[in-house]
N, C-alpha and C. Protein backbone atom coordinates (compact mmCIF):
# COMPACT_ATOMS: atom_id res chain seq x y z
N MET A 1 89.24 87.26 106.98
CA MET A 1 90.65 87.59 107.12
C MET A 1 90.87 88.18 108.50
N SER A 2 91.68 87.56 109.27
CA SER A 2 91.90 88.05 110.63
C SER A 2 93.31 88.59 110.84
N ASP A 3 94.22 88.25 109.96
CA ASP A 3 95.60 88.72 110.08
C ASP A 3 95.72 90.15 109.58
N THR A 4 96.70 90.85 110.13
CA THR A 4 97.01 92.20 109.69
C THR A 4 98.13 92.13 108.67
N ILE A 5 97.95 92.86 107.57
CA ILE A 5 98.99 92.97 106.54
C ILE A 5 99.39 94.43 106.47
N LYS A 6 100.69 94.70 106.57
CA LYS A 6 101.17 96.08 106.60
C LYS A 6 102.28 96.26 105.57
N TYR A 7 102.30 97.42 104.93
CA TYR A 7 103.33 97.73 103.94
C TYR A 7 103.65 99.22 104.00
N THR A 8 104.94 99.56 104.02
CA THR A 8 105.39 100.93 103.93
C THR A 8 106.14 101.10 102.62
N SER A 9 105.69 102.03 101.81
CA SER A 9 106.25 102.28 100.49
C SER A 9 107.46 103.20 100.58
N ASP A 10 108.27 103.18 99.55
CA ASP A 10 109.37 104.13 99.44
C ASP A 10 108.86 105.57 99.38
N ASN A 11 107.57 105.76 99.00
CA ASN A 11 106.99 107.10 98.94
C ASN A 11 106.60 107.63 100.32
N GLY A 12 106.79 106.80 101.35
CA GLY A 12 106.52 107.23 102.72
C GLY A 12 105.15 106.86 103.26
N TYR A 13 104.23 106.45 102.41
CA TYR A 13 102.90 106.06 102.85
C TYR A 13 102.92 104.63 103.37
N THR A 14 102.07 104.35 104.36
CA THR A 14 101.94 103.02 104.93
C THR A 14 100.49 102.57 104.80
N GLY A 15 100.30 101.36 104.35
CA GLY A 15 98.96 100.79 104.25
C GLY A 15 98.83 99.59 105.17
N VAL A 16 97.62 99.43 105.71
CA VAL A 16 97.34 98.31 106.61
C VAL A 16 95.99 97.70 106.23
N LEU A 17 96.00 96.40 106.01
CA LEU A 17 94.76 95.63 105.84
C LEU A 17 94.53 94.91 107.17
N TYR A 18 93.32 95.04 107.70
CA TYR A 18 93.04 94.35 108.96
C TYR A 18 91.56 94.06 109.07
N GLY A 19 91.24 93.13 109.95
CA GLY A 19 89.85 92.73 110.13
C GLY A 19 89.30 92.07 108.87
N GLN A 20 88.00 92.02 108.78
CA GLN A 20 87.33 91.41 107.64
C GLN A 20 87.41 92.27 106.38
N SER A 21 87.42 93.62 106.57
CA SER A 21 87.30 94.47 105.39
C SER A 21 87.92 95.85 105.53
N SER A 22 88.75 96.07 106.52
CA SER A 22 89.29 97.41 106.75
C SER A 22 90.62 97.63 106.03
N LEU A 23 90.77 98.85 105.54
CA LEU A 23 92.00 99.32 104.90
C LEU A 23 92.28 100.71 105.42
N ALA A 24 93.49 100.95 105.88
CA ALA A 24 93.90 102.29 106.30
C ALA A 24 95.21 102.61 105.59
N ILE A 25 95.32 103.86 105.13
CA ILE A 25 96.56 104.35 104.54
C ILE A 25 96.97 105.58 105.33
N TYR A 26 98.23 105.60 105.73
CA TYR A 26 98.77 106.69 106.55
C TYR A 26 99.76 107.52 105.76
N ASN A 27 99.70 108.84 105.95
CA ASN A 27 100.64 109.78 105.36
C ASN A 27 102.04 109.52 105.92
N PRO A 28 103.06 110.04 105.24
CA PRO A 28 104.42 109.89 105.75
C PRO A 28 104.60 110.42 107.18
N ASP A 29 103.80 111.41 107.58
CA ASP A 29 103.92 111.95 108.95
C ASP A 29 103.14 111.13 109.98
N GLY A 30 102.49 110.04 109.54
CA GLY A 30 101.77 109.16 110.45
C GLY A 30 100.30 109.44 110.60
N THR A 31 99.82 110.56 110.06
CA THR A 31 98.39 110.86 110.12
C THR A 31 97.64 110.00 109.10
N GLU A 32 96.39 109.73 109.39
CA GLU A 32 95.61 108.89 108.50
C GLU A 32 95.20 109.67 107.25
N SER A 33 95.47 109.09 106.11
CA SER A 33 95.11 109.69 104.83
C SER A 33 93.77 109.16 104.33
N MET A 34 93.53 107.87 104.56
CA MET A 34 92.31 107.23 104.08
C MET A 34 92.00 106.03 104.95
N HIS A 35 90.72 105.81 105.17
CA HIS A 35 90.29 104.63 105.93
C HIS A 35 88.97 104.16 105.36
N THR A 36 88.84 102.87 105.18
CA THR A 36 87.59 102.32 104.69
C THR A 36 87.27 101.02 105.41
N GLY A 37 86.03 100.78 105.59
CA GLY A 37 85.56 99.53 106.19
C GLY A 37 85.13 98.53 105.14
N SER A 38 85.34 98.90 103.87
CA SER A 38 85.00 98.03 102.76
C SER A 38 86.14 98.09 101.75
N ARG A 39 86.62 96.94 101.33
CA ARG A 39 87.74 96.94 100.39
C ARG A 39 87.61 95.77 99.43
N ASN A 40 88.31 95.90 98.30
CA ASN A 40 88.36 94.84 97.30
C ASN A 40 89.71 94.17 97.26
N ILE A 41 90.68 94.65 98.02
CA ILE A 41 92.01 94.06 98.03
C ILE A 41 92.19 93.24 99.31
N ASN A 42 92.94 92.15 99.19
CA ASN A 42 93.13 91.27 100.34
C ASN A 42 94.52 90.68 100.46
N THR A 43 95.40 90.96 99.49
CA THR A 43 96.73 90.37 99.51
C THR A 43 97.79 91.45 99.69
N TYR A 44 98.97 91.01 100.09
CA TYR A 44 100.10 91.92 100.24
C TYR A 44 100.42 92.59 98.90
N GLU A 45 100.41 91.83 97.83
CA GLU A 45 100.72 92.37 96.50
C GLU A 45 99.75 93.46 96.10
N GLU A 46 98.47 93.27 96.38
CA GLU A 46 97.46 94.29 96.07
C GLU A 46 97.66 95.53 96.94
N LEU A 47 98.01 95.32 98.21
CA LEU A 47 98.26 96.44 99.11
C LEU A 47 99.45 97.25 98.62
N VAL A 48 100.51 96.58 98.18
CA VAL A 48 101.69 97.28 97.66
C VAL A 48 101.28 98.20 96.50
N ARG A 49 100.51 97.69 95.57
CA ARG A 49 100.08 98.48 94.41
C ARG A 49 99.28 99.70 94.84
N VAL A 50 98.33 99.52 95.74
CA VAL A 50 97.48 100.62 96.18
C VAL A 50 98.29 101.69 96.92
N VAL A 51 99.18 101.27 97.80
CA VAL A 51 99.97 102.23 98.58
C VAL A 51 100.97 102.95 97.69
N ASP A 52 101.60 102.23 96.77
CA ASP A 52 102.55 102.86 95.86
C ASP A 52 101.87 103.90 94.97
N GLU A 53 100.61 103.68 94.62
CA GLU A 53 99.87 104.59 93.75
C GLU A 53 99.08 105.65 94.52
N HIS A 54 99.10 105.60 95.83
CA HIS A 54 98.29 106.51 96.65
C HIS A 54 98.57 107.99 96.38
N PRO A 55 99.82 108.43 96.25
CA PRO A 55 100.03 109.86 95.95
C PRO A 55 99.35 110.30 94.65
N LYS A 56 99.38 109.46 93.62
CA LYS A 56 98.71 109.78 92.35
C LYS A 56 97.20 109.87 92.56
N PHE A 57 96.66 108.95 93.35
CA PHE A 57 95.23 108.94 93.64
C PHE A 57 94.82 110.22 94.37
N MET A 58 95.58 110.61 95.36
CA MET A 58 95.27 111.83 96.11
C MET A 58 95.36 113.07 95.23
N GLU A 59 96.33 113.10 94.33
CA GLU A 59 96.47 114.23 93.40
C GLU A 59 95.26 114.29 92.46
N MET A 60 94.80 113.13 91.99
CA MET A 60 93.61 113.10 91.15
C MET A 60 92.39 113.64 91.90
N LEU A 61 92.23 113.23 93.14
CA LEU A 61 91.11 113.73 93.95
C LEU A 61 91.20 115.24 94.15
N ARG A 62 92.41 115.74 94.38
CA ARG A 62 92.61 117.18 94.55
C ARG A 62 92.20 117.93 93.29
N LYS A 63 92.59 117.41 92.13
CA LYS A 63 92.24 118.06 90.86
C LYS A 63 90.74 118.04 90.61
N VAL A 64 90.09 116.94 90.92
CA VAL A 64 88.64 116.84 90.75
C VAL A 64 87.95 117.85 91.66
N ALA A 65 88.35 117.90 92.91
CA ALA A 65 87.74 118.84 93.86
C ALA A 65 87.98 120.27 93.42
N GLU A 66 89.17 120.55 92.91
CA GLU A 66 89.50 121.89 92.45
C GLU A 66 88.63 122.27 91.25
N SER A 67 88.44 121.37 90.32
CA SER A 67 87.62 121.68 89.13
C SER A 67 86.15 121.82 89.51
N GLU A 68 85.69 121.03 90.48
CA GLU A 68 84.31 121.13 90.95
C GLU A 68 84.05 122.48 91.61
N SER A 69 85.03 122.98 92.32
CA SER A 69 84.85 124.26 93.04
C SER A 69 84.84 125.44 92.08
N LYS A 70 85.36 125.26 90.87
CA LYS A 70 85.37 126.33 89.87
C LYS A 70 84.05 126.42 89.11
N GLU A 71 83.24 125.37 89.18
CA GLU A 71 81.97 125.35 88.43
C GLU A 71 80.89 126.10 89.13
């Protein structure tokens, strides 16, 4: 895959698929929230789903980290 696919959600997050396997998701303020060089998604529709669900994913990670720190 050589084309770049970009999507900005109503939630303010922007996702970009580029290169052979890169995925980047940016916070509403433009800072990078997540970046990976390995991905399982390759279509615009899949990118939309991941970006739309990103705030829930980040909240889940926050809760896991919080519970781990209490142990």
